[in-house]
């Protein structure tokens, strides 16, 4: 047996019928339009957020790829310079000196020809290192209308020459040129290594 009979009942025995509120067609259309706008705005915001996240992800991936590519390029460039360094040393210590020695006489004649263009009637003097006079004389040939005096000076080193046409003078120094080339290559290599170490 239950104790329900002991408790007082405050409820109604009659059931209330739900009352239907009349809704106009205009209010219904307005509610539908508001719902559509709310849903459309929410969808648009979701799409924009997704697009922004996608752009951010692509940008981050691209930045990482570019950093990797830059590192790979820098690393490859560094290895290339390191592998070329011995070749540059051989080039400046053996190949270029031999090539310049072989073409020195031709270079002297070429420079003298350039100097004598406007002063062909002036006296021409070539001063070279001891032992180089004969090879320079052999190259002069019949190229010059006036006499060319070739002198040797024991104070000059091989690859050095002084040219004089009238009052104009010019110095040729293969050793200084080679040293300049070597210094330039050494400076380039040094600066490249420093840049690759410290960015």
Protein backbone atom coordinates (compact mmCIF):
# COMPACT_ATOMS: atom_id res chain seq x y z
CA UNK A 1 0.00 0.00 0.00
CA UNK A 2 1.21 3.47 -0.80
CA UNK A 3 1.19 6.54 1.30
CA UNK A 4 -0.35 8.69 -1.38
CA UNK A 5 -3.64 8.82 0.50
CA UNK A 6 -1.88 10.55 3.41
CA UNK A 7 -0.52 13.38 1.30
CA UNK A 8 -2.53 16.28 0.12
CA UNK A 9 -2.98 16.55 -3.66
CA UNK A 10 -2.40 20.07 -4.98
CA UNK A 11 -2.81 19.15 -8.67
CA UNK A 12 -5.80 19.50 -10.91
CA UNK A 13 -7.60 16.51 -12.09
CA UNK A 14 -8.41 18.09 -15.37
CA UNK A 15 -5.90 18.11 -18.14
CA UNK A 16 -5.33 21.39 -19.85
CA UNK A 17 -5.49 21.33 -23.58
CA UNK A 18 -2.58 23.18 -25.21
CA UNK A 19 -3.78 26.35 -26.70
CA UNK A 20 -2.61 27.00 -30.22
CA UNK A 21 -1.35 30.50 -30.72
CA UNK A 22 -2.37 31.71 -34.11
CA UNK A 23 0.73 32.57 -36.23
CA UNK A 24 0.41 34.77 -39.20
CA UNK A 25 2.02 33.82 -42.50
CA UNK A 26 4.01 37.07 -42.45
CA UNK A 27 5.54 36.28 -39.04
CA UNK A 28 6.36 32.77 -40.21
CA UNK A 29 8.14 34.13 -43.32
CA UNK A 30 10.04 36.60 -41.19
CA UNK A 31 11.17 33.84 -38.81
CA UNK A 32 12.28 31.67 -41.74
CA UNK A 33 14.26 34.59 -43.25
CA UNK A 34 15.97 35.27 -39.91
CA UNK A 35 16.83 31.58 -39.54
CA UNK A 36 18.21 31.49 -43.07
CA UNK A 37 20.34 34.62 -42.44
CA UNK A 38 21.66 33.21 -39.18
CA UNK A 39 22.55 29.88 -40.81
CA UNK A 40 24.07 31.59 -43.87
CA UNK A 41 26.20 33.92 -41.68
CA UNK A 42 27.39 31.01 -39.54
CA UNK A 43 28.28 29.02 -42.65
CA UNK A 44 30.09 31.99 -44.18
CA UNK A 45 32.11 32.54 -40.97
CA UNK A 46 33.01 28.84 -40.86
CA UNK A 47 34.16 28.97 -44.49
CA UNK A 48 36.27 32.11 -43.90
CA UNK A 49 37.82 30.58 -40.78
CA UNK A 50 38.62 27.35 -42.65
CA UNK A 51 40.13 29.35 -45.53
CA UNK A 52 42.25 31.41 -43.13
CA UNK A 53 43.49 28.26 -41.44
CA UNK A 54 44.32 26.73 -44.82
CA UNK A 55 46.21 29.88 -45.92
CA UNK A 56 48.12 29.94 -42.62
CA UNK A 57 49.03 26.27 -43.00
CA UNK A 58 50.13 26.74 -46.62
CA UNK A 59 52.19 29.83 -45.68
CA UNK A 60 53.91 27.96 -42.86
CA UNK A 61 54.63 24.99 -45.12
CA UNK A 62 55.97 27.28 -47.85
CA UNK A 63 58.17 29.17 -45.39
CA UNK A 64 59.59 25.89 -44.08
CA UNK A 65 60.21 24.65 -47.61
CA UNK A 66 61.94 27.90 -48.58
CA UNK A 67 64.13 27.73 -45.49
CA UNK A 68 65.07 24.15 -46.35
CA UNK A 69 65.71 25.14 -49.96
CA UNK A 70 67.81 28.13 -48.91
CA UNK A 71 69.82 25.95 -46.53
CA UNK A 72 70.32 23.35 -49.25
CA UNK A 73 71.37 26.05 -51.76
CA UNK A 74 73.78 27.65 -49.26
CA UNK A 75 75.20 24.26 -48.36
CA UNK A 76 75.68 23.35 -52.04
CA UNK A 77 77.27 26.73 -52.78
CA UNK A 78 79.62 26.32 -49.81
CA UNK A 79 80.69 22.86 -50.97
CA UNK A 80 81.24 24.18 -54.49
CA UNK A 81 83.49 27.00 -53.27
CA UNK A 82 85.42 24.59 -51.06
CA UNK A 83 85.97 22.22 -53.98
CA UNK A 84 86.99 25.08 -56.30
CA UNK A 85 89.46 26.59 -53.82
CA UNK A 86 92.30 24.11 -54.62
CA UNK A 87 91.72 24.67 -58.33
CA UNK A 88 91.99 28.44 -57.84
CA UNK A 89 95.26 27.96 -55.97
CA UNK A 90 96.72 25.82 -58.78
CA UNK A 91 95.43 28.31 -61.33
CA UNK A 92 97.13 31.28 -59.67
CA UNK A 93 100.32 29.47 -58.69
CA UNK A 94 101.05 27.44 -61.84
CA UNK A 95 98.76 27.94 -64.82
CA UNK A 96 98.48 31.75 -64.90
CA UNK A 97 102.19 32.43 -64.29
CA UNK A 98 103.15 30.08 -67.15
CA UNK A 99 100.52 31.58 -69.45
CA UNK A 100 101.58 35.13 -68.61
CA UNK A 101 105.27 34.31 -69.10
CA UNK A 102 104.51 32.79 -72.51
CA UNK A 103 102.49 35.81 -73.63
CA UNK A 104 104.49 38.55 -71.89
CA UNK A 105 106.40 39.62 -75.02
CA UNK A 106 103.17 39.86 -77.02
CA UNK A 107 101.63 41.93 -74.25
CA UNK A 108 104.62 44.32 -74.27
CA UNK A 109 104.33 44.81 -78.06
CA UNK A 110 100.57 45.30 -77.79
CA UNK A 111 100.94 47.97 -75.09
CA UNK A 112 103.71 49.74 -77.06
CA UNK A 113 101.54 49.75 -80.19
CA UNK A 114 98.71 51.31 -78.18
CA UNK A 115 101.03 54.00 -76.80
CA UNK A 116 102.55 54.78 -80.24
CA UNK A 117 99.23 55.35 -82.05
CA UNK A 118 99.36 59.13 -81.74
CA UNK A 119 103.12 59.47 -81.29
CA UNK A 120 104.68 57.34 -84.03
CA UNK A 121 107.43 59.91 -84.63
CA UNK A 122 108.60 59.83 -80.99
CA UNK A 123 111.41 57.62 -79.71
CA UNK A 124 110.26 54.31 -78.20
CA UNK A 125 112.06 52.51 -75.37
CA UNK A 126 111.31 49.14 -73.79
CA UNK A 127 113.10 48.16 -70.57
CA UNK A 128 112.73 44.50 -69.56
CA UNK A 129 114.34 42.11 -67.07
CA UNK A 130 117.68 40.52 -67.88
CA UNK A 131 117.32 37.71 -70.42
CA UNK A 132 113.98 38.88 -71.88
CA UNK A 133 115.33 41.40 -74.40
CA UNK A 134 115.93 38.95 -77.27
CA UNK A 135 112.40 37.50 -77.17
CA UNK A 136 110.86 40.99 -77.14
CA UNK A 137 113.09 42.15 -80.06
CA UNK A 138 112.01 39.11 -82.09
CA UNK A 139 108.36 40.10 -81.66
CA UNK A 140 108.80 43.73 -82.70
CA UNK A 141 109.34 42.92 -86.37
CA UNK A 142 108.29 45.67 -88.77
CA UNK A 143 105.30 46.86 -86.73
CA UNK A 144 106.77 50.25 -85.85
CA UNK A 145 107.80 53.04 -88.21
CA UNK A 146 110.36 54.55 -85.83
CA UNK A 147 113.24 52.86 -84.01
CA UNK A 148 112.49 50.91 -80.87
CA UNK A 149 115.21 50.56 -78.27
CA UNK A 150 115.07 47.42 -76.11
CA UNK A 151 117.15 47.50 -72.93
CA UNK A 152 117.62 44.99 -70.14
CA UNK A 153 117.72 45.97 -66.48
CA UNK A 154 118.96 43.52 -63.86
CA UNK A 155 116.88 45.23 -61.18
CA UNK A 156 113.66 44.19 -62.91
CA UNK A 157 112.10 40.81 -62.26
CA UNK A 158 110.79 38.51 -64.98
CA UNK A 159 107.40 39.78 -66.11
CA UNK A 160 108.25 43.44 -65.45
CA UNK A 161 108.73 46.07 -68.16
CA UNK A 162 108.79 49.84 -68.57
CA UNK A 163 107.60 51.36 -71.84
CA UNK A 164 108.27 54.91 -72.95
CA UNK A 165 107.01 56.65 -76.05
CA UNK A 166 108.06 60.29 -76.08
CA UNK A 167 107.07 61.57 -72.64
CA UNK A 168 104.42 58.89 -71.97
CA UNK A 169 105.43 55.99 -69.75
CA UNK A 170 103.75 52.77 -68.77
CA UNK A 171 104.73 50.00 -66.37
CA UNK A 172 103.84 46.34 -66.88
CA UNK A 173 104.13 44.01 -63.91
CA UNK A 174 102.88 40.45 -64.35
CA UNK A 175 103.86 39.50 -60.79
CA UNK A 176 101.79 42.32 -59.30
CA UNK A 177 98.86 41.40 -61.54
CA UNK A 178 99.07 37.74 -60.46
CA UNK A 179 99.31 38.78 -56.83
CA UNK A 180 96.23 40.98 -57.26
CA UNK A 181 94.28 38.12 -58.85
CA UNK A 182 95.35 35.77 -56.07
CA UNK A 183 94.42 38.32 -53.38
CA UNK A 184 91.00 38.80 -55.01
CA UNK A 185 90.35 35.05 -55.08
CA UNK A 186 91.51 34.67 -51.46
CA UNK A 187 89.32 37.60 -50.37
CA UNK A 188 86.31 36.17 -52.21
CA UNK A 189 86.80 32.74 -50.62
CA UNK A 190 87.33 34.23 -47.16
CA UNK A 191 84.27 36.49 -47.34
CA UNK A 192 82.12 33.69 -48.70
CA UNK A 193 83.13 31.39 -45.84
CA UNK A 194 82.48 34.15 -43.29
CA UNK A 195 79.06 34.87 -44.79
CA UNK A 196 78.11 31.20 -44.77
CA UNK A 197 79.18 30.87 -41.11
CA UNK A 198 77.52 34.00 -39.79
CA UNK A 199 74.82 34.64 -42.38
